[in-house]
Amino acid sequence: MVRPLKFKRLLQLDYALFVPRRLAGSIREENLKAAMEQLPLATSIGGQYRQQLTTAAGKAGWPLRIELSCSSFTQAAQAVKTGAFAAALPSLAAAAFAPGEVDQFPLPFLKAYSRPICVAWNPRLTEVRPTVLKAISVLEQVLADDQGIKRL
């Protein structure tokens, strides 16, 4: 008989718009949709995420001004750090920015793409290597201490 894996939910992965302070100006959640037309965006060069981003924004009537295509979220975050671009990134990217460097805004049209992030293990593994449970606990604590991460 095969026992099912055990798992623990660690965090909720959702997306937000990161805008450098120098571009943010008077942008607030209330006027974000209108402001999007003027924001130069950095995002992935293609693939599933870009397709989801553009499709969801289009369906919700949110204008996107994509000016820089990147090969990763890391590159898009670096583009934000230059102060010249905003980017829709996983909300946990907040940890990559210095306090006051960016303004972070929720993107309601990406809410459907929010996902739980879990760690899973074979229960038998914890009998052989009890440190696995300690490692999971440490990972959980590190994530709990990290700013910008929404816990489940």
C-alpha atoms as a PDB file:
ATOM      1  CA  MET A   1       0.000   0.000   0.000  1.00  0.00           C
ATOM      2  CA  VAL A   2       1.349   3.396  -0.952  1.00  0.00           C
ATOM      3  CA  ARG A   3       0.763   6.086   1.648  1.00  0.00           C
ATOM      4  CA  PRO A   4      -0.108   9.537   0.315  1.00  0.00           C
ATOM      5  CA  LEU A   5       2.359  12.382   0.621  1.00  0.00           C
ATOM      6  CA  LYS A   6       2.043  14.779   3.519  1.00  0.00           C
ATOM      7  CA  PHE A   7       2.151  18.480   2.772  1.00  0.00           C
ATOM      8  CA  LYS A   8       2.164  21.890   4.391  1.00  0.00           C
ATOM      9  CA  ARG A   9       1.027  25.124   2.767  1.00  0.00           C
ATOM     10  CA  LEU A  10       3.716  27.741   3.193  1.00  0.00           C
ATOM     11  CA  LEU A  11       2.496  30.848   1.422  1.00  0.00           C
ATOM     12  CA  GLN A  12       0.121  32.235  -1.148  1.00  0.00           C
ATOM     13  CA  LEU A  13       1.767  33.308  -4.399  1.00  0.00           C
ATOM     14  CA  ASP A  14      -0.028  36.251  -5.906  1.00  0.00           C
ATOM     15  CA  TYR A  15       0.968  39.087  -8.201  1.00  0.00           C
ATOM     16  CA  ALA A  16       1.374  42.819  -7.737  1.00  0.00           C
ATOM     17  CA  LEU A  17       2.530  45.814  -9.712  1.00  0.00           C
ATOM     18  CA  PHE A  18       5.869  47.221  -8.550  1.00  0.00           C
ATOM     19  CA  VAL A  19       6.396  50.856  -9.505  1.00  0.00           C
ATOM     20  CA  PRO A  20       9.612  52.762  -8.769  1.00  0.00           C
ATOM     21  CA  ARG A  21       8.881  55.745  -6.529  1.00  0.00           C
ATOM     22  CA  ARG A  22      10.056  58.179  -9.208  1.00  0.00           C
ATOM     23  CA  LEU A  23       7.414  56.834 -11.618  1.00  0.00           C
ATOM     24  CA  ALA A  24       4.676  56.359  -9.029  1.00  0.00           C
ATOM     25  CA  GLY A  25       3.984  60.062  -8.530  1.00  0.00           C
ATOM     26  CA  SER A  26       0.317  60.446  -7.638  1.00  0.00           C
ATOM     27  CA  ILE A  27      -0.647  56.852  -8.471  1.00  0.00           C
ATOM     28  CA  ARG A  28      -2.949  55.282  -5.900  1.00  0.00           C
ATOM     29  CA  GLU A  29      -5.055  52.126  -5.986  1.00  0.00           C
ATOM     30  CA  GLU A  30      -8.082  54.237  -6.946  1.00  0.00           C
ATOM     31  CA  ASN A  31      -6.473  55.606 -10.128  1.00  0.00           C
ATOM     32  CA  LEU A  32      -4.107  52.732 -10.954  1.00  0.00           C
ATOM     33  CA  LYS A  33      -6.156  51.436 -13.877  1.00  0.00           C
ATOM     34  CA  ALA A  34      -6.039  54.812 -15.633  1.00  0.00           C
ATOM     35  CA  ALA A  35      -2.363  55.326 -14.761  1.00  0.00           C
ATOM     36  CA  MET A  36      -1.367  52.016 -16.373  1.00  0.00           C
ATOM     37  CA  GLU A  37      -1.541  53.626 -19.841  1.00  0.00           C
ATOM     38  CA  GLN A  38       1.422  55.841 -18.952  1.00  0.00           C
ATOM     39  CA  LEU A  39       3.560  53.276 -17.109  1.00  0.00           C
ATOM     40  CA  PRO A  40       6.330  51.626 -19.116  1.00  0.00           C
ATOM     41  CA  LEU A  41       6.204  47.949 -18.142  1.00  0.00           C
ATOM     42  CA  ALA A  42       8.865  45.266 -18.081  1.00  0.00           C
ATOM     43  CA  THR A  43       7.592  41.694 -18.312  1.00  0.00           C
ATOM     44  CA  SER A  44       8.527  38.289 -19.638  1.00  0.00           C
ATOM     45  CA  ILE A  45       9.437  37.941 -23.289  1.00  0.00           C
ATOM     46  CA  GLY A  46       6.719  35.390 -23.906  1.00  0.00           C
ATOM     47  CA  GLY A  47       5.311  32.198 -22.549  1.00  0.00           C
ATOM     48  CA  GLN A  48       2.415  31.373 -20.294  1.00  0.00           C
ATOM     49  CA  TYR A  49       2.825  34.226 -17.785  1.00  0.00           C
ATOM     50  CA  ARG A  50       2.899  36.952 -20.431  1.00  0.00           C
ATOM     51  CA  GLN A  51      -0.086  35.408 -22.171  1.00  0.00           C
ATOM     52  CA  GLN A  52      -2.026  35.264 -18.876  1.00  0.00           C
ATOM     53  CA  LEU A  53      -1.034  38.848 -18.027  1.00  0.00           C
ATOM     54  CA  THR A  54      -2.086  40.332 -21.361  1.00  0.00           C
ATOM     55  CA  THR A  55      -5.248  38.231 -21.646  1.00  0.00           C
ATOM     56  CA  ALA A  56      -6.439  39.001 -18.111  1.00  0.00           C
ATOM     57  CA  ALA A  57      -5.627  42.714 -18.455  1.00  0.00           C
ATOM     58  CA  GLY A  58      -7.415  42.880 -21.807  1.00  0.00           C
ATOM     59  CA  LYS A  59     -10.539  41.147 -20.494  1.00  0.00           C
ATOM     60  CA  ALA A  60     -10.639  43.513 -17.500  1.00  0.00           C
ATOM     61  CA  GLY A  61     -10.021  46.580 -19.652  1.00  0.00           C
ATOM     62  CA  TRP A  62      -6.659  47.426 -18.071  1.00  0.00           C
ATOM     63  CA  PRO A  63      -4.236  49.015 -20.556  1.00  0.00           C
ATOM     64  CA  LEU A  64      -0.671  47.671 -20.623  1.00  0.00           C
ATOM     65  CA  ARG A  65       2.270  49.571 -22.100  1.00  0.00           C
ATOM     66  CA  ILE A  66       4.881  46.821 -22.364  1.00  0.00           C
ATOM     67  CA  GLU A  67       8.197  48.395 -23.333  1.00  0.00           C
ATOM     68  CA  LEU A  68      10.745  45.849 -22.138  1.00  0.00           C
ATOM     69  CA  SER A  69      10.695  42.084 -22.577  1.00  0.00           C
ATOM     70  CA  CYS A  70      12.751  40.086 -20.073  1.00  0.00           C
ATOM     71  CA  SER A  71      13.696  36.429 -19.846  1.00  0.00           C
ATOM     72  CA  SER A  72      12.820  36.171 -16.132  1.00  0.00           C
ATOM     73  CA  PHE A  73      11.081  37.813 -13.200  1.00  0.00           C
ATOM     74  CA  THR A  74      14.555  38.569 -11.841  1.00  0.00           C
ATOM     75  CA  GLN A  75      15.387  40.631 -14.918  1.00  0.00           C
ATOM     76  CA  ALA A  76      12.042  42.435 -14.733  1.00  0.00           C
ATOM     77  CA  ALA A  77      12.753  43.271 -11.054  1.00  0.00           C
ATOM     78  CA  GLN A  78      16.180  44.605 -12.084  1.00  0.00           C
ATOM     79  CA  ALA A  79      14.443  46.795 -14.661  1.00  0.00           C
ATOM     80  CA  VAL A  80      12.257  48.197 -11.881  1.00  0.00           C
ATOM     81  CA  LYS A  81      15.402  48.925  -9.850  1.00  0.00           C
ATOM     82  CA  THR A  82      16.664  51.159 -12.683  1.00  0.00           C
ATOM     83  CA  GLY A  83      13.702  53.435 -11.998  1.00  0.00           C
ATOM     84  CA  ALA A  84      12.628  53.388 -15.648  1.00  0.00           C
ATOM     85  CA  PHE A  85      10.056  50.580 -15.612  1.00  0.00           C
ATOM     86  CA  ALA A  86       7.228  49.127 -13.550  1.00  0.00           C
ATOM     87  CA  ALA A  87       6.590  45.376 -13.554  1.00  0.00           C
ATOM     88  CA  ALA A  88       3.888  42.889 -12.600  1.00  0.00           C
ATOM     89  CA  LEU A  89       5.771  40.403 -10.416  1.00  0.00           C
ATOM     90  CA  PRO A  90       4.999  37.765  -7.802  1.00  0.00           C
ATOM     91  CA  SER A  91       4.280  39.670  -4.584  1.00  0.00           C
ATOM     92  CA  LEU A  92       7.161  37.935  -2.830  1.00  0.00           C
ATOM     93  CA  ALA A  93       9.468  40.042  -5.049  1.00  0.00           C
ATOM     94  CA  ALA A  94       8.892  42.797  -2.481  1.00  0.00           C
ATOM     95  CA  ALA A  95      11.800  41.320  -0.524  1.00  0.00           C
ATOM     96  CA  ALA A  96      14.140  42.274  -3.415  1.00  0.00           C
ATOM     97  CA  PHE A  97      13.499  45.999  -3.026  1.00  0.00           C
ATOM     98  CA  ALA A  98      14.805  48.389  -0.410  1.00  0.00           C
ATOM     99  CA  PRO A  99      12.204  50.070   1.827  1.00  0.00           C
ATOM    100  CA  GLY A 100      10.793  53.075  -0.018  1.00  0.00           C
ATOM    101  CA  GLU A 101      12.290  52.033  -3.362  1.00  0.00           C
ATOM    102  CA  VAL A 102       8.967  51.023  -4.923  1.00  0.00           C
ATOM    103  CA  ASP A 103       5.250  51.308  -4.431  1.00  0.00           C
ATOM    104  CA  GLN A 104       3.391  47.994  -4.624  1.00  0.00           C
ATOM    105  CA  PHE A 105      -0.165  47.800  -5.939  1.00  0.00           C
ATOM    106  CA  PRO A 106      -2.509  44.808  -6.134  1.00  0.00           C
ATOM    107  CA  LEU A 107      -3.595  43.805  -9.633  1.00  0.00           C
ATOM    108  CA  PRO A 108      -7.197  42.607  -9.334  1.00  0.00           C
ATOM    109  CA  PHE A 109      -7.224  41.156 -12.840  1.00  0.00           C
ATOM    110  CA  LEU A 110      -4.500  38.658 -11.801  1.00  0.00           C
ATOM    111  CA  LYS A 111      -6.327  37.452  -8.678  1.00  0.00           C
ATOM    112  CA  ALA A 112      -7.418  34.241 -10.441  1.00  0.00           C
ATOM    113  CA  TYR A 113      -3.743  33.307 -10.908  1.00  0.00           C
ATOM    114  CA  SER A 114      -2.974  33.317  -7.184  1.00  0.00           C
ATOM    115  CA  ARG A 115      -1.621  29.929  -6.060  1.00  0.00           C
ATOM    116  CA  PRO A 116      -0.641  28.266  -2.800  1.00  0.00           C
ATOM    117  CA  ILE A 117       2.977  27.182  -2.488  1.00  0.00           C
ATOM    118  CA  CYS A 118       3.415  23.935  -0.572  1.00  0.00           C
ATOM    119  CA  VAL A 119       6.149  21.619   0.561  1.00  0.00           C
ATOM    120  CA  ALA A 120       5.386  17.889   0.258  1.00  0.00           C
ATOM    121  CA  TRP A 121       7.166  14.841   1.613  1.00  0.00           C
ATOM    122  CA  ASN A 122       6.827  11.122   1.940  1.00  0.00           C
ATOM    123  CA  PRO A 123       5.835  10.312   5.562  1.00  0.00           C
ATOM    124  CA  ARG A 124       8.288   7.412   5.565  1.00  0.00           C
ATOM    125  CA  LEU A 125      11.114   9.880   4.949  1.00  0.00           C
ATOM    126  CA  THR A 126      10.505  11.538   8.326  1.00  0.00           C
ATOM    127  CA  GLU A 127      10.899   8.155  10.040  1.00  0.00           C
ATOM    128  CA  VAL A 128      14.330   7.709   8.465  1.00  0.00           C
ATOM    129  CA  ARG A 129      15.363  11.374   8.527  1.00  0.00           C
ATOM    130  CA  PRO A 130      13.567  13.226  11.332  1.00  0.00           C
ATOM    131  CA  THR A 131      15.469  16.406  10.426  1.00  0.00           C
ATOM    132  CA  VAL A 132      13.080  16.804   7.474  1.00  0.00           C
ATOM    133  CA  LEU A 133      10.370  18.076   9.835  1.00  0.00           C
ATOM    134  CA  LYS A 134      12.851  20.498  11.406  1.00  0.00           C
ATOM    135  CA  ALA A 135      13.849  21.757   7.937  1.00  0.00           C
ATOM    136  CA  ILE A 136      10.182  22.332   7.068  1.00  0.00           C
ATOM    137  CA  SER A 137       9.714  24.234  10.333  1.00  0.00           C
ATOM    138  CA  VAL A 138      12.775  26.407   9.634  1.00  0.00           C
ATOM    139  CA  LEU A 139      11.558  27.113   6.090  1.00  0.00           C
ATOM    140  CA  GLU A 140       8.167  28.065   7.461  1.00  0.00           C
ATOM    141  CA  GLN A 141       9.766  30.460   9.978  1.00  0.00           C
ATOM    142  CA  VAL A 142      12.004  32.080   7.351  1.00  0.00           C
ATOM    143  CA  LEU A 143       9.000  32.712   5.130  1.00  0.00           C
ATOM    144  CA  ALA A 144       6.970  34.035   8.061  1.00  0.00           C
ATOM    145  CA  ASP A 145       9.714  36.548   8.848  1.00  0.00           C
ATOM    146  CA  ASP A 146      10.085  37.701   5.236  1.00  0.00           C
ATOM    147  CA  GLN A 147       8.251  40.926   4.416  1.00  0.00           C
ATOM    148  CA  GLY A 148       6.013  41.046   1.377  1.00  0.00           C
ATOM    149  CA  ILE A 149       4.882  37.436   1.631  1.00  0.00           C
ATOM    150  CA  LYS A 150       1.226  36.752   2.251  1.00  0.00           C
ATOM    151  CA  ARG A 151       0.841  33.722   4.537  1.00  0.00           C
ATOM    152  CA  LEU A 152      -1.960  31.189   4.193  1.00  0.00           C
END
